[in-house]
Amino acid sequence: QVQLVESGGGLVQAGGSLRLSCTASGRTPSSYAMGWFRQAPGKEREFVAGVSWSAGSRNYADSVKGRFTISRDNAKNTVYLQMNSLKPEDTAVYYCNVHALDIDYWGQGTQVTVSS
């Protein structure tokens, strides 16, 4: 099993920044993709950003391109999401994801609230 623990959420004004972190522990595979998803009230969970094991491939949802940056530190089994120019519509619970061997692991989620 892989355990994921997120941190860094909170309340911020529109235009502000937050940095989310997620650390994997337990039986982590030798290589795995990591990513972030989010779920706003009354909406389905949606993809935000993903990064490959080597960080050579990074993908973003159109809604966050140019504002969010995903990175990872494999020595620390940690993925980060730097969120700049935050908007009220970014308000959601953000979930960390590890995808390996066709299995998805999820964190417990961290709340991000952006006030207008």
N, C-alpha and C. Protein backbone atom coordinates (compact mmCIF):
# COMPACT_ATOMS: atom_id res chain seq x y z
N GLN A 1 0.83 -1.20 0.00
CA GLN A 1 0.00 0.00 0.00
C GLN A 1 0.86 1.25 0.00
N VAL A 2 0.33 2.28 -0.63
CA VAL A 2 0.99 3.57 -0.68
C VAL A 2 0.14 4.57 0.09
N GLN A 3 0.75 5.30 0.98
CA GLN A 3 0.05 6.34 1.72
C GLN A 3 0.50 7.71 1.21
N LEU A 4 -0.47 8.60 1.07
CA LEU A 4 -0.19 9.95 0.59
C LEU A 4 -0.70 10.96 1.61
N VAL A 5 0.13 11.91 1.95
CA VAL A 5 -0.25 12.96 2.90
C VAL A 5 -0.02 14.32 2.25
N GLU A 6 -1.11 15.09 2.14
CA GLU A 6 -1.03 16.42 1.53
C GLU A 6 -0.94 17.49 2.61
N SER A 7 -0.41 18.62 2.23
CA SER A 7 -0.37 19.79 3.11
C SER A 7 -0.28 21.04 2.27
N GLY A 8 -0.53 22.19 2.90
CA GLY A 8 -0.34 23.45 2.22
C GLY A 8 -1.61 24.18 1.81
N GLY A 9 -2.76 23.56 2.01
CA GLY A 9 -4.00 24.23 1.65
C GLY A 9 -4.30 25.36 2.62
N GLY A 10 -5.33 26.14 2.30
CA GLY A 10 -5.72 27.22 3.18
C GLY A 10 -6.61 28.22 2.49
N LEU A 11 -6.76 29.37 3.13
CA LEU A 11 -7.59 30.46 2.62
C LEU A 11 -6.68 31.57 2.08
N VAL A 12 -6.97 32.02 0.88
CA VAL A 12 -6.16 33.06 0.25
C VAL A 12 -7.06 33.97 -0.56
N GLN A 13 -6.67 35.21 -0.69
CA GLN A 13 -7.42 36.14 -1.53
C GLN A 13 -7.13 35.91 -3.00
N ALA A 14 -8.07 36.30 -3.83
CA ALA A 14 -7.86 36.20 -5.28
C ALA A 14 -6.58 36.94 -5.67
N GLY A 15 -5.81 36.30 -6.55
CA GLY A 15 -4.54 36.86 -6.96
C GLY A 15 -3.36 36.36 -6.14
N GLY A 16 -3.66 35.69 -5.05
CA GLY A 16 -2.61 35.19 -4.17
C GLY A 16 -2.05 33.86 -4.63
N SER A 17 -1.16 33.31 -3.78
CA SER A 17 -0.47 32.06 -4.12
C SER A 17 -0.53 31.09 -2.95
N LEU A 18 -0.45 29.83 -3.29
CA LEU A 18 -0.33 28.75 -2.32
C LEU A 18 0.56 27.68 -2.93
N ARG A 19 1.22 26.92 -2.06
CA ARG A 19 2.03 25.79 -2.51
C ARG A 19 1.58 24.54 -1.77
N LEU A 20 1.11 23.57 -2.53
CA LEU A 20 0.70 22.29 -1.97
C LEU A 20 1.85 21.30 -2.04
N SER A 21 1.91 20.43 -1.04
CA SER A 21 2.90 19.36 -1.02
C SER A 21 2.20 18.04 -0.76
N CYS A 22 2.78 16.97 -1.28
CA CYS A 22 2.25 15.64 -1.04
C CYS A 22 3.41 14.66 -0.97
N THR A 23 3.48 13.92 0.12
CA THR A 23 4.56 12.96 0.32
C THR A 23 4.01 11.55 0.33
N ALA A 24 4.64 10.70 -0.45
CA ALA A 24 4.26 9.29 -0.52
C ALA A 24 5.12 8.46 0.42
N SER A 25 4.50 7.46 1.03
CA SER A 25 5.23 6.55 1.91
C SER A 25 4.64 5.15 1.77
N GLY A 26 5.27 4.21 2.42
CA GLY A 26 4.80 2.84 2.33
C GLY A 26 5.49 2.11 1.20
N ARG A 27 4.77 1.21 0.55
CA ARG A 27 5.35 0.41 -0.53
C ARG A 27 5.28 1.19 -1.84
N THR A 28 6.10 2.21 -1.94
CA THR A 28 6.10 3.00 -3.16
C THR A 28 6.79 2.22 -4.27
N PRO A 29 6.23 2.24 -5.47
CA PRO A 29 6.85 1.54 -6.60
C PRO A 29 8.19 2.18 -6.96
N SER A 30 8.93 1.49 -7.78
CA SER A 30 10.25 2.00 -8.17
C SER A 30 10.13 3.24 -9.03
N SER A 31 9.04 3.37 -9.75
CA SER A 31 8.80 4.58 -10.52
C SER A 31 7.29 4.76 -10.65
N TYR A 32 6.85 6.00 -10.58
CA TYR A 32 5.40 6.26 -10.64
C TYR A 32 5.15 7.70 -11.01
N ALA A 33 4.05 7.90 -11.69
CA ALA A 33 3.60 9.25 -12.00
C ALA A 33 2.88 9.81 -10.78
N MET A 34 2.91 11.11 -10.65
CA MET A 34 2.20 11.78 -9.56
C MET A 34 1.39 12.93 -10.15
N GLY A 35 0.35 13.29 -9.46
CA GLY A 35 -0.48 14.37 -9.97
C GLY A 35 -1.39 14.95 -8.92
N TRP A 36 -2.12 15.95 -9.36
CA TRP A 36 -3.09 16.63 -8.50
C TRP A 36 -4.44 16.67 -9.22
N PHE A 37 -5.49 16.42 -8.45
CA PHE A 37 -6.86 16.55 -8.90
C PHE A 37 -7.57 17.46 -7.91
N ARG A 38 -8.74 17.94 -8.30
CA ARG A 38 -9.52 18.75 -7.37
C ARG A 38 -11.00 18.48 -7.54
N GLN A 39 -11.73 18.75 -6.48
CA GLN A 39 -13.18 18.56 -6.52
C GLN A 39 -13.85 19.72 -5.79
N ALA A 40 -14.63 20.47 -6.54
CA ALA A 40 -15.40 21.57 -5.97
C ALA A 40 -16.76 21.04 -5.54
N PRO A 41 -17.43 21.74 -4.64
CA PRO A 41 -18.75 21.29 -4.16
C PRO A 41 -19.72 21.11 -5.32
N GLY A 42 -20.38 19.96 -5.36
CA GLY A 42 -21.38 19.70 -6.39
C GLY A 42 -20.81 19.35 -7.75
N LYS A 43 -19.48 19.22 -7.83
CA LYS A 43 -18.85 18.91 -9.11
C LYS A 43 -18.05 17.61 -9.02
N GLU A 44 -17.73 17.05 -10.18
CA GLU A 44 -16.92 15.85 -10.21
C GLU A 44 -15.45 16.19 -10.01
N ARG A 45 -14.70 15.19 -9.55
CA ARG A 45 -13.27 15.39 -9.41
C ARG A 45 -12.65 15.58 -10.80
N GLU A 46 -11.73 16.54 -10.91
CA GLU A 46 -11.12 16.83 -12.20
C GLU A 46 -9.61 16.88 -12.09
N PHE A 47 -8.97 16.56 -13.19
CA PHE A 47 -7.51 16.59 -13.29
C PHE A 47 -7.02 18.03 -13.25
N VAL A 48 -5.93 18.26 -12.53
CA VAL A 48 -5.32 19.59 -12.48
C VAL A 48 -3.94 19.58 -13.14
N ALA A 49 -3.07 18.68 -12.68
CA ALA A 49 -1.71 18.63 -13.22
C ALA A 49 -1.11 17.26 -12.93
N GLY A 50 -0.17 16.85 -13.79
CA GLY A 50 0.51 15.58 -13.60
C GLY A 50 1.96 15.68 -14.03
N VAL A 51 2.80 14.83 -13.44
CA VAL A 51 4.22 14.82 -13.76
C VAL A 51 4.71 13.38 -13.79
N SER A 52 5.54 13.08 -14.78
CA SER A 52 6.10 11.73 -14.90
C SER A 52 7.20 11.52 -13.87
N TRP A 53 7.68 10.29 -13.76
CA TRP A 53 8.71 9.95 -12.78
C TRP A 53 9.96 10.81 -12.95
N SER A 54 10.39 10.99 -14.18
CA SER A 54 11.60 11.77 -14.44
C SER A 54 11.34 13.26 -14.48
N ALA A 55 10.08 13.64 -14.40
CA ALA A 55 9.66 15.04 -14.54
C ALA A 55 9.88 15.54 -15.96
N GLY A 56 10.16 14.63 -16.89
CA GLY A 56 10.33 15.05 -18.26
C GLY A 56 9.01 15.37 -18.94
N SER A 57 7.93 14.90 -18.37
CA SER A 57 6.60 15.17 -18.93
C SER A 57 5.71 15.76 -17.86
N ARG A 58 5.15 16.91 -18.17
CA ARG A 58 4.23 17.58 -17.25
C ARG A 58 3.00 17.98 -18.05
N ASN A 59 1.84 17.78 -17.45
CA ASN A 59 0.59 18.12 -18.11
C ASN A 59 -0.28 18.95 -17.19
N TYR A 60 -1.05 19.84 -17.78
CA TYR A 60 -1.91 20.72 -17.01
C TYR A 60 -3.30 20.80 -17.63
N ALA A 61 -4.27 21.00 -16.79
CA ALA A 61 -5.60 21.34 -17.28
C ALA A 61 -5.54 22.73 -17.89
N ASP A 62 -6.34 22.95 -18.92
CA ASP A 62 -6.33 24.26 -19.58
C ASP A 62 -6.62 25.39 -18.59
N SER A 63 -7.46 25.11 -17.62
CA SER A 63 -7.89 26.15 -16.69
C SER A 63 -6.77 26.64 -15.76
N VAL A 64 -5.67 25.89 -15.66
CA VAL A 64 -4.60 26.29 -14.75
C VAL A 64 -3.28 26.56 -15.47
N LYS A 65 -3.22 26.34 -16.77
CA LYS A 65 -1.99 26.56 -17.52
C LYS A 65 -1.52 27.99 -17.37
N GLY A 66 -0.23 28.15 -17.12
CA GLY A 66 0.34 29.48 -16.96
C GLY A 66 0.23 30.02 -15.55
N ARG A 67 -0.55 29.35 -14.70
CA ARG A 67 -0.70 29.81 -13.32
C ARG A 67 -0.17 28.80 -12.31
N PHE A 68 -0.32 27.52 -12.61
CA PHE A 68 0.11 26.45 -11.71
C PHE A 68 1.36 25.77 -12.28
N THR A 69 2.22 25.32 -11.37
CA THR A 69 3.41 24.57 -11.76
C THR A 69 3.56 23.35 -10.88
N ILE A 70 3.69 22.18 -11.51
CA ILE A 70 3.89 20.94 -10.76
C ILE A 70 5.36 20.56 -10.83
N SER A 71 5.87 20.06 -9.70
CA SER A 71 7.25 19.60 -9.65
C SER A 71 7.33 18.44 -8.66
N ARG A 72 8.47 17.75 -8.67
CA ARG A 72 8.62 16.63 -7.75
C ARG A 72 10.06 16.48 -7.32
N ASP A 73 10.22 15.88 -6.15
CA ASP A 73 11.54 15.57 -5.60
C ASP A 73 11.52 14.08 -5.27
N ASN A 74 12.10 13.27 -6.14
CA ASN A 74 12.02 11.82 -5.96
C ASN A 74 12.80 11.36 -4.72
N ALA A 75 13.81 12.08 -4.33
CA ALA A 75 14.56 11.72 -3.12
C ALA A 75 13.68 11.82 -1.87
N LYS A 76 12.67 12.68 -1.95
CA LYS A 76 11.75 12.89 -0.83
C LYS A 76 10.38 12.28 -1.09
N ASN A 77 10.22 11.61 -2.24
CA ASN A 77 8.91 11.05 -2.62
C ASN A 77 7.81 12.09 -2.51
N THR A 78 8.10 13.29 -2.95
CA THR A 78 7.19 14.41 -2.76
C THR A 78 6.90 15.10 -4.08
N VAL A 79 5.64 15.48 -4.23
CA VAL A 79 5.22 16.27 -5.38
C VAL A 79 4.67 17.59 -4.85
N TYR A 80 4.90 18.64 -5.62
CA TYR A 80 4.48 19.98 -5.23
C TYR A 80 3.56 20.56 -6.31
N LEU A 81 2.70 21.47 -5.87
CA LEU A 81 1.88 22.23 -6.81
C LEU A 81 1.94 23.69 -6.39
N GLN A 82 2.68 24.47 -7.15
CA GLN A 82 2.75 25.91 -6.91
C GLN A 82 1.59 26.56 -7.65
N MET A 83 0.74 27.25 -6.91
CA MET A 83 -0.45 27.85 -7.48
C MET A 83 -0.36 29.36 -7.33
N ASN A 84 -0.28 30.05 -8.47
CA ASN A 84 -0.21 31.51 -8.49
C ASN A 84 -1.45 32.09 -9.14
N SER A 85 -1.65 33.38 -8.94
CA SER A 85 -2.79 34.08 -9.54
C SER A 85 -4.09 33.32 -9.30
N LEU A 86 -4.31 32.93 -8.08
CA LEU A 86 -5.47 32.11 -7.75
C LEU A 86 -6.76 32.87 -7.97
N LYS A 87 -7.78 32.12 -8.40
CA LYS A 87 -9.10 32.68 -8.68
C LYS A 87 -10.13 32.00 -7.78
N PRO A 88 -11.25 32.65 -7.55
CA PRO A 88 -12.30 32.01 -6.73
C PRO A 88 -12.72 30.65 -7.28
N GLU A 89 -12.67 30.49 -8.60
CA GLU A 89 -13.07 29.21 -9.19
C GLU A 89 -12.05 28.10 -8.96
N ASP A 90 -10.91 28.42 -8.37
CA ASP A 90 -9.94 27.40 -7.98
C ASP A 90 -10.29 26.78 -6.63
N THR A 91 -11.30 27.32 -5.97
CA THR A 91 -11.72 26.78 -4.68
C THR A 91 -12.18 25.34 -4.83
N ALA A 92 -11.57 24.46 -4.03
CA ALA A 92 -11.88 23.03 -4.12
C ALA A 92 -11.06 22.28 -3.08
N VAL A 93 -11.37 21.00 -2.93
CA VAL A 93 -10.49 20.10 -2.20
C VAL A 93 -9.51 19.53 -3.22
N TYR A 94 -8.23 19.65 -2.93
CA TYR A 94 -7.19 19.18 -3.83
C TYR A 94 -6.66 17.83 -3.33
N TYR A 95 -6.60 16.87 -4.25
CA TYR A 95 -6.18 15.53 -3.93
C TYR A 95 -4.90 15.18 -4.67
N CYS A 96 -3.98 14.57 -3.96
CA CYS A 96 -2.76 14.06 -4.54
C CYS A 96 -3.02 12.65 -5.08
N ASN A 97 -2.38 12.34 -6.17
CA ASN A 97 -2.57 11.04 -6.81
C ASN A 97 -1.23 10.43 -7.20
N VAL A 98 -1.12 9.13 -6.95
CA VAL A 98 0.00 8.34 -7.46
C VAL A 98 -0.59 7.27 -8.36
N HIS A 99 -0.04 7.16 -9.55
CA HIS A 99 -0.50 6.15 -10.50
C HIS A 99 0.66 5.23 -10.84
N ALA A 100 0.50 3.94 -10.50
CA ALA A 100 1.58 2.99 -10.76
C ALA A 100 0.99 1.60 -10.93
N LEU A 101 1.50 0.91 -11.93
CA LEU A 101 1.05 -0.47 -12.17
C LEU A 101 -0.47 -0.55 -12.28
N ASP A 102 -1.04 0.43 -12.97
CA ASP A 102 -2.49 0.49 -13.21
C ASP A 102 -3.30 0.65 -11.94
N ILE A 103 -2.68 1.13 -10.89
CA ILE A 103 -3.39 1.37 -9.64
C ILE A 103 -3.29 2.85 -9.29
N ASP A 104 -4.39 3.41 -8.81
CA ASP A 104 -4.41 4.80 -8.37
C ASP A 104 -4.49 4.84 -6.85
N TYR A 105 -3.63 5.65 -6.26
CA TYR A 105 -3.66 5.91 -4.83
C TYR A 105 -4.01 7.38 -4.63
N TRP A 106 -4.76 7.64 -3.55
CA TRP A 106 -5.22 9.01 -3.31
C TRP A 106 -4.89 9.46 -1.89
N GLY A 107 -4.63 10.75 -1.75
CA GLY A 107 -4.49 11.34 -0.43
C GLY A 107 -5.87 11.68 0.13
N GLN A 108 -5.86 12.25 1.33
CA GLN A 108 -7.12 12.56 2.00
C GLN A 108 -7.69 13.90 1.53
N GLY A 109 -6.88 14.67 0.84
CA GLY A 109 -7.34 15.95 0.32
C GLY A 109 -6.99 17.11 1.24
N THR A 110 -6.78 18.27 0.63
CA THR A 110 -6.51 19.50 1.37
C THR A 110 -7.36 20.61 0.76
N GLN A 111 -8.02 21.38 1.63
CA GLN A 111 -8.95 22.41 1.17
C GLN A 111 -8.20 23.67 0.73
N VAL A 112 -8.56 24.16 -0.43
CA VAL A 112 -8.08 25.44 -0.92
C VAL A 112 -9.29 26.34 -1.14
N THR A 113 -9.30 27.48 -0.48
CA THR A 113 -10.40 28.42 -0.62
C THR A 113 -9.85 29.77 -1.06
N VAL A 114 -10.38 30.28 -2.17
CA VAL A 114 -9.94 31.56 -2.71
C VAL A 114 -11.09 32.54 -2.61
N SER A 115 -10.89 33.60 -1.85
CA SER A 115 -11.93 34.59 -1.66
C SER A 115 -11.81 35.71 -2.69
N SER A 116 -12.94 36.26 -3.07
CA SER A 116 -12.94 37.32 -4.09
C SER A 116 -12.80 38.70 -3.46
